[in-house]
PDB file of N, CA and C in Angstrom:
ATOM      1  N   MET A   1      88.816 116.877  36.425  1.00  0.00           N
ATOM      2  CA  MET A   1      87.868 116.549  36.924  1.00  0.00           C
ATOM      3  C   MET A   1      88.311 114.916  37.340  1.00  0.00           C
ATOM      4  N   ARG A   2      89.492 114.472  36.709  1.00  0.00           N
ATOM      5  CA  ARG A   2      90.056 113.240  37.811  1.00  0.00           C
ATOM      6  C   ARG A   2      90.886 113.839  38.946  1.00  0.00           C
ATOM      7  N   ALA A   3      91.464 114.886  38.690  1.00  0.00           N
ATOM      8  CA  ALA A   3      91.898 115.651  40.269  1.00  0.00           C
ATOM      9  C   ALA A   3      91.024 115.382  41.359  1.00  0.00           C
ATOM     10  N   LEU A   4      89.577 115.976  40.944  1.00  0.00           N
ATOM     11  CA  LEU A   4      88.536 116.030  41.756  1.00  0.00           C
ATOM     12  C   LEU A   4      88.376 114.874  42.588  1.00  0.00           C
ATOM     13  N   ALA A   5      88.139 113.950  41.706  1.00  0.00           N
ATOM     14  CA  ALA A   5      87.783 112.462  41.852  1.00  0.00           C
ATOM     15  C   ALA A   5      88.867 111.837  42.681  1.00  0.00           C
ATOM     16  N   LEU A   6      90.114 112.242  42.606  1.00  0.00           N
ATOM     17  CA  LEU A   6      91.245 111.479  43.245  1.00  0.00           C
ATOM     18  C   LEU A   6      91.256 112.208  44.951  1.00  0.00           C
ATOM     19  N   LEU A   7      90.727 113.212  44.739  1.00  0.00           N
ATOM     20  CA  LEU A   7      90.832 114.327  46.391  1.00  0.00           C
ATOM     21  C   LEU A   7      89.646 113.950  46.795  1.00  0.00           C
ATOM     22  N   LEU A   8      88.380 113.453  46.560  1.00  0.00           N
ATOM     23  CA  LEU A   8      87.138 112.886  46.989  1.00  0.00           C
ATOM     24  C   LEU A   8      87.280 111.871  47.270  1.00  0.00           C
ATOM     25  N   LEU A   9      88.184 110.903  46.540  1.00  0.00           N
ATOM     26  CA  LEU A   9      88.455 109.177  47.190  1.00  0.00           C
ATOM     27  C   LEU A   9      89.880 109.355  48.310  1.00  0.00           C
ATOM     28  N   ALA A  10      90.429 110.234  48.364  1.00  0.00           N
ATOM     29  CA  ALA A  10      91.228 110.479  49.440  1.00  0.00           C
ATOM     30  C   ALA A  10      90.734 110.702  50.282  1.00  0.00           C
ATOM     31  N   ALA A  11      89.804 111.751  50.419  1.00  0.00           N
ATOM     32  CA  ALA A  11      89.308 112.368  51.761  1.00  0.00           C
ATOM     33  C   ALA A  11      88.395 111.201  52.482  1.00  0.00           C
ATOM     34  N   ALA A  12      87.651 110.330  51.706  1.00  0.00           N
ATOM     35  CA  ALA A  12      86.880 109.289  52.106  1.00  0.00           C
ATOM     36  C   ALA A  12      88.004 108.398  52.628  1.00  0.00           C
ATOM     37  N   MET A  13      88.877 107.965  52.382  1.00  0.00           N
ATOM     38  CA  MET A  13      89.659 106.928  52.768  1.00  0.00           C
ATOM     39  C   MET A  13      90.900 107.362  53.993  1.00  0.00           C
ATOM     40  N   THR A  14      90.532 108.992  54.545  1.00  0.00           N
ATOM     41  CA  THR A  14      91.510 109.247  55.454  1.00  0.00           C
ATOM     42  C   THR A  14      90.965 109.042  56.755  1.00  0.00           C
ATOM     43  N   GLY A  15      91.726 107.956  57.499  1.00  0.00           N
ATOM     44  CA  GLY A  15      91.020 108.191  59.309  1.00  0.00           C
ATOM     45  C   GLY A  15      89.661 107.136  59.073  1.00  0.00           C
ATOM     46  N   PRO A  16      89.343 106.459  60.600  1.00  0.00           N
ATOM     47  CA  PRO A  16      88.407 106.046  60.818  1.00  0.00           C
ATOM     48  C   PRO A  16      87.255 107.084  60.878  1.00  0.00           C
ATOM     49  N   ALA A  17      86.027 106.818  60.635  1.00  0.00           N
ATOM     50  CA  ALA A  17      84.630 107.370  60.583  1.00  0.00           C
ATOM     51  C   ALA A  17      84.944 108.041  62.521  1.00  0.00           C
ATOM     52  N   ARG A  18      84.187 109.219  62.461  1.00  0.00           N
ATOM     53  CA  ARG A  18      84.027 109.421  63.807  1.00  0.00           C
ATOM     54  C   ARG A  18      83.168 108.730  64.668  1.00  0.00           C
ATOM     55  N   ALA A  19      83.573 108.607  66.029  1.00  0.00           N
ATOM     56  CA  ALA A  19      82.731 107.534  66.933  1.00  0.00           C
ATOM     57  C   ALA A  19      81.068 108.153  67.041  1.00  0.00           C
ATOM     58  N   ALA A  20      80.141 107.303  66.925  1.00  0.00           N
ATOM     59  CA  ALA A  20      78.668 107.683  66.830  1.00  0.00           C
ATOM     60  C   ALA A  20      78.356 108.286  68.448  1.00  0.00           C
ATOM     61  N   SER A  21      79.101 107.890  69.355  1.00  0.00           N
ATOM     62  CA  SER A  21      78.523 108.939  70.586  1.00  0.00           C
ATOM     63  C   SER A  21      78.960 109.964  70.960  1.00  0.00           C
ATOM     64  N   PRO A  22      78.161 110.623  71.517  1.00  0.00           N
ATOM     65  CA  PRO A  22      78.365 112.250  71.801  1.00  0.00           C
ATOM     66  C   PRO A  22      79.583 112.714  72.729  1.00  0.00           C
ATOM     67  N   THR A  23      80.042 113.437  72.740  1.00  0.00           N
ATOM     68  CA  THR A  23      81.198 114.145  73.723  1.00  0.00           C
ATOM     69  C   THR A  23      80.459 115.015  74.513  1.00  0.00           C
ATOM     70  N   ALA A  24      81.088 115.352  75.644  1.00  0.00           N
ATOM     71  CA  ALA A  24      80.609 116.180  76.516  1.00  0.00           C
ATOM     72  C   ALA A  24      79.759 117.502  75.876  1.00  0.00           C
ATOM     73  N   ARG A  25      80.822 118.143  74.685  1.00  0.00           N
ATOM     74  CA  ARG A  25      80.022 119.124  74.345  1.00  0.00           C
ATOM     75  C   ARG A  25      79.142 119.126  73.428  1.00  0.00           C
ATOM     76  N   GLU A  26      78.505 117.760  72.792  1.00  0.00           N
ATOM     77  CA  GLU A  26      77.307 117.434  72.054  1.00  0.00           C
ATOM     78  C   GLU A  26      76.156 116.980  73.068  1.00  0.00           C
ATOM     79  N   PHE A  27      76.556 116.819  74.054  1.00  0.00           N
ATOM     80  CA  PHE A  27      75.513 116.348  75.431  1.00  0.00           C
ATOM     81  C   PHE A  27      74.847 117.809  75.774  1.00  0.00           C
ATOM     82  N   THR A  28      73.749 117.680  75.763  1.00  0.00           N
ATOM     83  CA  THR A  28      72.981 119.136  76.391  1.00  0.00           C
ATOM     84  C   THR A  28      72.017 118.758  77.477  1.00  0.00           C
ATOM     85  N   GLU A  29      71.843 117.513  77.501  1.00  0.00           N
ATOM     86  CA  GLU A  29      71.090 116.696  78.828  1.00  0.00           C
ATOM     87  C   GLU A  29      71.345 115.526  78.850  1.00  0.00           C
ATOM     88  N   LEU A  30      71.132 114.951  80.203  1.00  0.00           N
ATOM     89  CA  LEU A  30      71.045 113.299  80.232  1.00  0.00           C
ATOM     90  C   LEU A  30      69.868 112.776  81.092  1.00  0.00           C
ATOM     91  N   PRO A  31      69.500 111.731  80.352  1.00  0.00           N
ATOM     92  CA  PRO A  31      68.222 111.554  80.559  1.00  0.00           C
ATOM     93  C   PRO A  31      68.535 110.378  81.606  1.00  0.00           C
ATOM     94  N   PRO A  32      67.646 109.831  82.182  1.00  0.00           N
ATOM     95  CA  PRO A  32      67.846 108.845  83.323  1.00  0.00           C
ATOM     96  C   PRO A  32      68.928 107.577  83.037  1.00  0.00           C
ATOM     97  N   GLY A  33      69.880 107.439  83.818  1.00  0.00           N
ATOM     98  CA  GLY A  33      71.003 106.251  83.925  1.00  0.00           C
ATOM     99  C   GLY A  33      71.995 106.844  84.358  1.00  0.00           C
ATOM    100  N   ARG A  34      73.118 105.930  84.423  1.00  0.00           N
ATOM    101  CA  ARG A  34      74.409 106.071  84.687  1.00  0.00           C
ATOM    102  C   ARG A  34      75.426 106.422  83.726  1.00  0.00           C
ATOM    103  N   TYR A  35      76.266 107.577  84.084  1.00  0.00           N
ATOM    104  CA  TYR A  35      77.165 108.134  83.530  1.00  0.00           C
ATOM    105  C   TYR A  35      78.851 108.446  83.829  1.00  0.00           C
ATOM    106  N   THR A  36      79.468 108.228  82.982  1.00  0.00           N
ATOM    107  CA  THR A  36      80.823 108.446  83.455  1.00  0.00           C
ATOM    108  C   THR A  36      81.393 109.995  82.612  1.00  0.00           C
ATOM    109  N   VAL A  37      81.708 110.491  83.736  1.00  0.00           N
ATOM    110  CA  VAL A  37      82.307 112.017  83.330  1.00  0.00           C
ATOM    111  C   VAL A  37      83.833 112.466  83.248  1.00  0.00           C
ATOM    112  N   SER A  38      84.345 112.753  82.227  1.00  0.00           N
ATOM    113  CA  SER A  38      85.886 112.962  82.375  1.00  0.00           C
ATOM    114  C   SER A  38      86.048 114.115  82.847  1.00  0.00           C
ATOM    115  N   LEU A  39      86.810 114.713  83.738  1.00  0.00           N
ATOM    116  CA  LEU A  39      87.041 116.000  83.962  1.00  0.00           C
ATOM    117  C   LEU A  39      88.599 116.528  83.759  1.00  0.00           C
ATOM    118  N   SER A  40      88.793 117.743  83.837  1.00  0.00           N
ATOM    119  CA  SER A  40      89.888 118.287  83.936  1.00  0.00           C
ATOM    120  C   SER A  40      90.133 119.464  84.905  1.00  0.00           C
ATOM    121  N   GLY A  41      91.288 119.664  85.252  1.00  0.00           N
ATOM    122  CA  GLY A  41      91.809 120.750  86.373  1.00  0.00           C
ATOM    123  C   GLY A  41      91.427 120.357  87.624  1.00  0.00           C
ATOM    124  N   LEU A  42      91.531 118.860  87.992  1.00  0.00           N
ATOM    125  CA  LEU A  42      91.788 118.356  89.135  1.00  0.00           C
ATOM    126  C   LEU A  42      93.023 118.625  89.841  1.00  0.00           C
ATOM    127  N   MET A  43      93.096 119.313  91.270  1.00  0.00           N
ATOM    128  CA  MET A  43      94.674 119.540  91.481  1.00  0.00           C
ATOM    129  C   MET A  43      94.960 118.668  92.543  1.00  0.00           C
ATOM    130  N   THR A  44      93.721 118.433  93.682  1.00  0.00           N
ATOM    131  CA  THR A  44      94.080 117.412  94.844  1.00  0.00           C
ATOM    132  C   THR A  44      92.643 116.559  94.933  1.00  0.00           C
ATOM    133  N   THR A  45      92.623 115.704  96.064  1.00  0.00           N
ATOM    134  CA  THR A  45      91.448 115.305  96.429  1.00  0.00           C
ATOM    135  C   THR A  45      90.306 116.368  96.839  1.00  0.00           C
ATOM    136  N   VAL A  46      90.809 117.338  97.496  1.00  0.00           N
ATOM    137  CA  VAL A  46      89.365 118.439  97.775  1.00  0.00           C
ATOM    138  C   VAL A  46      89.292 118.605  96.714  1.00  0.00           C
ATOM    139  N   CYS A  47      89.441 118.809  95.459  1.00  0.00           N
ATOM    140  CA  CYS A  47      89.028 119.259  94.043  1.00  0.00           C
ATOM    141  C   CYS A  47      87.584 118.279  93.855  1.00  0.00           C
ATOM    142  N   GLY A  48      88.178 116.867  93.917  1.00  0.00           N
ATOM    143  CA  GLY A  48      86.925 115.656  93.738  1.00  0.00           C
ATOM    144  C   GLY A  48      85.749 115.787  94.848  1.00  0.00           C
ATOM    145  N   ARG A  49      86.283 115.852  96.217  1.00  0.00           N
ATOM    146  CA  ARG A  49      85.187 116.304  97.298  1.00  0.00           C
ATOM    147  C   ARG A  49      84.334 117.324  96.961  1.00  0.00           C
ATOM    148  N   ALA A  50      84.811 118.341  96.580  1.00  0.00           N
ATOM    149  CA  ALA A  50      83.916 119.678  95.999  1.00  0.00           C
ATOM    150  C   ALA A  50      83.015 119.420  95.083  1.00  0.00           C
ATOM    151  N   ILE A  51      83.526 118.895  94.099  1.00  0.00           N
ATOM    152  CA  ILE A  51      82.550 118.341  92.687  1.00  0.00           C
ATOM    153  C   ILE A  51      81.376 117.732  93.525  1.00  0.00           C
ATOM    154  N   ALA A  52      81.895 116.439  94.079  1.00  0.00           N
ATOM    155  CA  ALA A  52      81.029 115.475  94.196  1.00  0.00           C
ATOM    156  C   ALA A  52      79.943 116.357  95.342  1.00  0.00           C
ATOM    157  N   ALA A  53      80.139 117.052  96.236  1.00  0.00           N
ATOM    158  CA  ALA A  53      79.128 117.783  97.004  1.00  0.00           C
ATOM    159  C   ALA A  53      78.282 118.685  96.222  1.00  0.00           C
ATOM    160  N   GLU A  54      78.956 119.170  95.359  1.00  0.00           N
ATOM    161  CA  GLU A  54      77.918 120.315  94.538  1.00  0.00           C
ATOM    162  C   GLU A  54      76.928 119.492  93.566  1.00  0.00           C
ATOM    163  N   TRP A  55      77.707 118.515  92.997  1.00  0.00           N
ATOM    164  CA  TRP A  55      76.760 117.682  92.130  1.00  0.00           C
ATOM    165  C   TRP A  55      75.587 117.042  92.646  1.00  0.00           C
ATOM    166  N   SER A  56      76.086 116.409  94.145  1.00  0.00           N
ATOM    167  CA  SER A  56      75.042 115.790  94.781  1.00  0.00           C
ATOM    168  C   SER A  56      73.988 116.539  95.061  1.00  0.00           C
ATOM    169  N   ALA A  57      73.931 117.726  95.356  1.00  0.00           N
ATOM    170  CA  ALA A  57      73.117 118.464  95.678  1.00  0.00           C
ATOM    171  C   ALA A  57      72.005 119.150  94.801  1.00  0.00           C
ATOM    172  N   LEU A  58      72.513 118.798  93.340  1.00  0.00           N
ATOM    173  CA  LEU A  58      71.256 118.926  92.374  1.00  0.00           C
ATOM    174  C   LEU A  58      70.548 117.826  92.570  1.00  0.00           C
ATOM    175  N   PRO A  59      69.135 118.090  92.513  1.00  0.00           N
ATOM    176  CA  PRO A  59      67.925 117.482  92.661  1.00  0.00           C
ATOM    177  C   PRO A  59      67.683 116.226  91.753  1.00  0.00           C
ATOM    178  N   GLU A  60      68.220 116.501  90.523  1.00  0.00           N
ATOM    179  CA  GLU A  60      68.596 115.095  89.502  1.00  0.00           C
ATOM    180  C   GLU A  60      69.438 114.077  89.528  1.00  0.00           C
ATOM    181  N   VAL A  61      70.240 114.300  90.574  1.00  0.00           N
ATOM    182  CA  VAL A  61      70.997 113.249  90.666  1.00  0.00           C
ATOM    183  C   VAL A  61      70.947 112.526  91.959  1.00  0.00           C
ATOM    184  N   GLU A  62      71.138 111.160  91.614  1.00  0.00           N
ATOM    185  CA  GLU A  62      70.684 110.157  92.470  1.00  0.00           C
ATOM    186  C   GLU A  62      72.137 109.951  93.771  1.00  0.00           C
ATOM    187  N   SER A  63      73.273 109.621  92.786  1.00  0.00           N
ATOM    188  CA  SER A  63      74.370 109.664  93.322  1.00  0.00           C
ATOM    189  C   SER A  63      75.833 110.050  92.638  1.00  0.00           C
ATOM    190  N   VAL A  64      76.497 110.375  93.021  1.00  0.00           N
ATOM    191  CA  VAL A  64      78.357 110.891  92.569  1.00  0.00           C
ATOM    192  C   VAL A  64      79.325 110.118  93.243  1.00  0.00           C
ATOM    193  N   SER A  65      80.144 109.980  92.295  1.00  0.00           N
ATOM    194  CA  SER A  65      81.503 109.599  93.203  1.00  0.00           C
ATOM    195  C   SER A  65      82.483 110.050  92.141  1.00  0.00           C
ATOM    196  N   VAL A  66      83.759 110.600  92.919  1.00  0.00           N
ATOM    197  CA  VAL A  66      84.777 111.294  92.274  1.00  0.00           C
ATOM    198  C   VAL A  66      85.714 110.686  92.387  1.00  0.00           C
ATOM    199  N   ASP A  67      86.577 110.029  91.369  1.00  0.00           N
ATOM    200  CA  ASP A  67      87.863 109.002  91.320  1.00  0.00           C
ATOM    201  C   ASP A  67      89.381 110.575  91.299  1.00  0.00           C
ATOM    202  N   PHE A  68      89.639 111.002  92.063  1.00  0.00           N
ATOM    203  CA  PHE A  68      90.588 112.177  91.770  1.00  0.00           C
ATOM    204  C   PHE A  68      91.742 111.479  90.900  1.00  0.00           C
ATOM    205  N   GLU A  69      92.437 110.335  91.194  1.00  0.00           N
ATOM    206  CA  GLU A  69      93.384 110.078  90.263  1.00  0.00           C
ATOM    207  C   GLU A  69      93.555 109.765  89.015  1.00  0.00           C
ATOM    208  N   LYS A  70      92.162 109.410  88.565  1.00  0.00           N
ATOM    209  CA  LYS A  70      91.465 109.203  87.162  1.00  0.00           C
ATOM    210  C   LYS A  70      90.950 110.248  86.517  1.00  0.00           C
ATOM    211  N   SER A  71      90.863 111.257  87.473  1.00  0.00           N
ATOM    212  CA  SER A  71      89.815 112.705  86.909  1.00  0.00           C
ATOM    213  C   SER A  71      88.585 112.092  86.361  1.00  0.00           C
ATOM    214  N   THR A  72      87.972 111.147  87.000  1.00  0.00           N
ATOM    215  CA  THR A  72      86.876 111.075  86.562  1.00  0.00           C
ATOM    216  C   THR A  72      85.623 110.778  87.648  1.00  0.00           C
ATOM    217  N   ALA A  73      84.453 111.133  87.373  1.00  0.00           N
ATOM    218  CA  ALA A  73      83.243 111.057  87.728  1.00  0.00           C
ATOM    219  C   ALA A  73      82.019 110.217  87.483  1.00  0.00           C
ATOM    220  N   PHE A  74      81.788 109.243  88.381  1.00  0.00           N
ATOM    221  CA  PHE A  74      80.233 108.714  88.228  1.00  0.00           C
ATOM    222  C   PHE A  74      79.164 109.260  88.662  1.00  0.00           C
ATOM    223  N   VAL A  75      78.243 109.553  87.621  1.00  0.00           N
ATOM    224  CA  VAL A  75      76.880 110.445  88.056  1.00  0.00           C
ATOM    225  C   VAL A  75      75.823 109.307  87.868  1.00  0.00           C
ATOM    226  N   ALA A  76      75.012 109.275  88.820  1.00  0.00           N
ATOM    227  CA  ALA A  76      73.593 108.331  88.554  1.00  0.00           C
ATOM    228  C   ALA A  76      72.443 109.489  88.553  1.00  0.00           C
ATOM    229  N   VAL A  77      71.662 109.943  87.436  1.00  0.00           N
ATOM    230  CA  VAL A  77      70.634 110.782  87.035  1.00  0.00           C
ATOM    231  C   VAL A  77      69.352 109.755  87.556  1.00  0.00           C
ATOM    232  N   ARG A  78      68.045 110.536  88.654  1.00  0.00           N
ATOM    233  CA  ARG A  78      67.226 109.997  88.615  1.00  0.00           C
ATOM    234  C   ARG A  78      66.313 109.165  88.098  1.00  0.00           C
ATOM    235  N   LEU A  79      65.610 108.383  87.961  1.00  0.00           N
ATOM    236  CA  LEU A  79      64.561 107.843  87.283  1.00  0.00           C
ATOM    237  C   LEU A  79      63.583 108.780  86.572  1.00  0.00           C
ATOM    238  N   ASP A  80      63.241 109.708  87.477  1.00  0.00           N
ATOM    239  CA  ASP A  80      61.983 110.643  86.841  1.00  0.00           C
ATOM    240  C   ASP A  80      62.488 112.080  86.592  1.00  0.00           C
ATOM    241  N   ARG A  81      63.913 112.073  86.356  1.00  0.00           N
ATOM    242  CA  ARG A  81      64.581 113.354  86.161  1.00  0.00           C
ATOM    243  C   ARG A  81      65.257 113.425  84.608  1.00  0.00           C
ATOM    244  N   THR A  82      65.564 114.485  84.370  1.00  0.00           N
ATOM    245  CA  THR A  82      66.660 114.444  83.380  1.00  0.00           C
ATOM    246  C   THR A  82      67.589 115.799  83.660  1.00  0.00           C
ATOM    247  N   LEU A  83      68.821 115.386  83.706  1.00  0.00           N
ATOM    248  CA  LEU A  83      69.893 116.250  83.738  1.00  0.00           C
ATOM    249  C   LEU A  83      70.523 117.441  82.791  1.00  0.00           C
ATOM    250  N   GLN A  84      70.581 118.354  82.990  1.00  0.00           N
ATOM    251  CA  GLN A  84      71.044 119.244  82.187  1.00  0.00           C
ATOM    252  C   GLN A  84      72.522 119.502  82.097  1.00  0.00           C
ATOM    253  N   VAL A  85      73.407 119.325  81.387  1.00  0.00           N
ATOM    254  CA  VAL A  85      74.870 119.501  80.987  1.00  0.00           C
ATOM    255  C   VAL A  85      75.353 120.724  81.682  1.00  0.00           C
ATOM    256  N   ALA A  86      74.195 122.028  81.227  1.00  0.00           N
ATOM    257  CA  ALA A  86      74.741 123.252  81.631  1.00  0.00           C
ATOM    258  C   ALA A  86      74.834 123.206  82.959  1.00  0.00           C
ATOM    259  N   SER A  87      73.692 122.613  84.157  1.00  0.00           N
ATOM    260  CA  SER A  87      73.751 122.677  85.545  1.00  0.00           C
ATOM    261  C   SER A  87      74.985 121.960  86.041  1.00  0.00           C
ATOM    262  N   LEU A  88      75.699 121.106  85.226  1.00  0.00           N
ATOM    263  CA  LEU A  88      76.943 120.269  85.757  1.00  0.00           C
ATOM    264  C   LEU A  88      78.082 121.601  85.843  1.00  0.00           C
ATOM    265  N   ARG A  89      78.191 121.840  84.482  1.00  0.00           N
ATOM    266  CA  ARG A  89      78.874 123.048  84.377  1.00  0.00           C
ATOM    267  C   ARG A  89      79.094 124.174  85.261  1.00  0.00           C
ATOM    268  N   LYS A  90      77.731 124.567  85.670  1.00  0.00           N
ATOM    269  CA  LYS A  90      77.507 125.638  86.690  1.00  0.00           C
ATOM    270  C   LYS A  90      78.148 125.067  88.458  1.00  0.00           C
ATOM    271  N   THR A  91      78.017 124.479  88.376  1.00  0.00           N
ATOM    272  CA  THR A  91      78.131 123.731  89.677  1.00  0.00           C
ATOM    273  C   THR A  91      79.333 123.550  89.856  1.00  0.00           C
ATOM    274  N   LEU A  92      80.138 123.403  88.837  1.00  0.00           N
ATOM    275  CA  LEU A  92      81.733 123.065  88.604  1.00  0.00           C
ATOM    276  C   LEU A  92      82.169 124.422  88.999  1.00  0.00           C
ATOM    277  N   ARG A  93      81.645 125.686  88.596  1.00  0.00           N
ATOM    278  CA  ARG A  93      82.248 127.056  88.997  1.00  0.00           C
ATOM    279  C   ARG A  93      81.980 127.150  90.800  1.00  0.00           C
ATOM    280  N   ARG A  94      80.982 126.767  91.028  1.00  0.00           N
ATOM    281  CA  ARG A  94      80.706 126.680  92.590  1.00  0.00           C
ATOM    282  C   ARG A  94      81.719 125.650  93.335  1.00  0.00           C
ATOM    283  N   ALA A  95      81.779 124.577  92.591  1.00  0.00           N
ATOM    284  CA  ALA A  95      83.241 123.531  93.275  1.00  0.00           C
ATOM    285  C   ALA A  95      84.509 124.293  93.238  1.00  0.00           C
ATOM    286  N   GLU A  96      84.800 125.114  92.031  1.00  0.00           N
ATOM    287  CA  GLU A  96      85.965 125.796  92.353  1.00  0.00           C
ATOM    288  C   GLU A  96      86.132 126.875  93.400  1.00  0.00           C
ATOM    289  N   ARG A  97      84.673 127.789  93.701  1.00  0.00           N
ATOM    290  CA  ARG A  97      85.062 128.656  94.667  1.00  0.00           C
ATOM    291  C   ARG A  97      85.041 127.767  96.032  1.00  0.00           C
ATOM    292  N   LEU A  98      84.316 126.577  96.014  1.00  0.00           N
ATOM    293  CA  LEU A  98      84.113 125.715  97.562  1.00  0.00           C
ATOM    294  C   LEU A  98      85.608 125.083  97.715  1.00  0.00           C
ATOM    295  N   ALA A  99      86.288 124.799  96.881  1.00  0.00           N
ATOM    296  CA  ALA A  99      87.603 124.188  97.033  1.00  0.00           C
ATOM    297  C   ALA A  99      88.844 125.153  97.384  1.00  0.00           C
ATOM    298  N   ASN A 100      88.462 126.366  96.540  1.00  0.00           N
ATOM    299  CA  ASN A 100      89.184 127.619  97.049  1.00  0.00           C
ATOM    300  C   ASN A 100      90.607 127.004  96.757  1.00  0.00           C
ATOM    301  N   LEU A 101      91.145 126.656  95.334  1.00  0.00           N
ATOM    302  CA  LEU A 101      92.380 126.420  95.428  1.00  0.00           C
ATOM    303  C   LEU A 101      92.824 127.104  94.133  1.00  0.00           C
ATOM    304  N   GLY A 102      92.151 127.714  93.488  1.00  0.00           N
ATOM    305  CA  GLY A 102      92.181 128.558  92.156  1.00  0.00           C
ATOM    306  C   GLY A 102      92.678 127.740  90.922  1.00  0.00           C
ATOM    307  N   ALA A 103      91.704 126.516  91.033  1.00  0.00           N
ATOM    308  CA  ALA A 103      91.800 125.667  90.037  1.00  0.00           C
ATOM    309  C   ALA A 103      90.794 125.818  88.971  1.00  0.00           C
ATOM    310  N   ARG A 104      90.569 125.391  87.833  1.00  0.00           N
ATOM    311  CA  ARG A 104      89.626 125.652  87.067  1.00  0.00           C
ATOM    312  C   ARG A 104      89.244 124.188  86.177  1.00  0.00           C
ATOM    313  N   TYR A 105      87.582 123.765  86.454  1.00  0.00           N
ATOM    314  CA  TYR A 105      87.512 122.664  86.183  1.00  0.00           C
ATOM    315  C   TYR A 105      86.414 122.500  84.909  1.00  0.00           C
ATOM    316  N   ASP A 106      86.419 121.399  84.033  1.00  0.00           N
ATOM    317  CA  ASP A 106      85.942 121.368  82.940  1.00  0.00           C
ATOM    318  C   ASP A 106      85.473 119.827  82.690  1.00  0.00           C
ATOM    319  N   LEU A 107      84.336 119.891  81.840  1.00  0.00           N
ATOM    320  CA  LEU A 107      84.151 118.580  81.338  1.00  0.00           C
ATOM    321  C   LEU A 107      85.017 118.263  79.841  1.00  0.00           C
ATOM    322  N   ARG A 108      85.265 117.148  80.103  1.00  0.00           N
ATOM    323  CA  ARG A 108      86.118 116.467  78.791  1.00  0.00           C
ATOM    324  C   ARG A 108      85.371 115.813  78.008  1.00  0.00           C
ATOM    325  N   ASP A 109      84.654 114.908  78.846  1.00  0.00           N
ATOM    326  CA  ASP A 109      84.023 113.705  77.966  1.00  0.00           C
ATOM    327  C   ASP A 109      83.143 113.207  78.833  1.00  0.00           C
ATOM    328  N   ILE A 110      81.620 112.746  78.273  1.00  0.00           N
ATOM    329  CA  ILE A 110      80.577 112.191  78.941  1.00  0.00           C
ATOM    330  C   ILE A 110      80.311 111.035  78.293  1.00  0.00           C
ATOM    331  N   SER A 111      80.084 109.571  78.760  1.00  0.00           N
ATOM    332  CA  SER A 111      79.479 108.488  78.174  1.00  0.00           C
ATOM    333  C   SER A 111      78.526 107.874  79.037  1.00  0.00           C
ATOM    334  N   TYR A 112      77.838 107.112  78.456  1.00  0.00           N
ATOM    335  CA  TYR A 112      76.661 106.300  79.462  1.00  0.00           C
ATOM    336  C   TYR A 112      77.244 105.152  79.847  1.00  0.00           C
ATOM    337  N   ARG A 113      77.120 104.635  80.806  1.00  0.00           N
ATOM    338  CA  ARG A 113      78.009 103.561  81.441  1.00  0.00           C
ATOM    339  C   ARG A 113      76.523 102.259  81.506  1.00  0.00           C
ATOM    340  N   LEU A 114      77.175 101.375  81.053  1.00  0.00           N
ATOM    341  CA  LEU A 114      76.127 100.266  81.158  1.00  0.00           C
ATOM    342  C   LEU A 114      76.508  99.376  82.254  1.00  0.00           C
ATOM    343  N   GLY A 115      75.187  98.592  83.148  1.00  0.00           N
ATOM    344  CA  GLY A 115      75.532  97.763  83.844  1.00  0.00           C
ATOM    345  C   GLY A 115      75.806  98.625  85.191  1.00  0.00           C
ATOM    346  N   LYS A 116      76.525  98.457  86.162  1.00  0.00           N
ATOM    347  CA  LYS A 116      76.853  99.141  87.550  1.00  0.00           C
ATOM    348  C   LYS A 116      77.741  99.588  87.538  1.00  0.00           C
TER     349      LYS A 116
END
């Protein structure tokens, strides 16, 4: 009994608690607002331009910019829309074909941006 109590105490004390904000895999939809999206698989600026072109074509997206050097995209979702994360992933596949570099893009993290 004492060993079990020590084990539970040790488990409770190990490491900080997980952050409350969802990761890219936990988001299923993005309500209106501005988001920072971390990406993986970008090889050149062509990759960033292909992703921006595909995401800009989505009716839910107000604006997109991609920073190739930081592998980060900034996405603004229209006030009257909700963007499905599955749509972002699907358009990443089209951006891969558009860039034609053999790259495989993926979402690493999504976070809500406060301010501009």
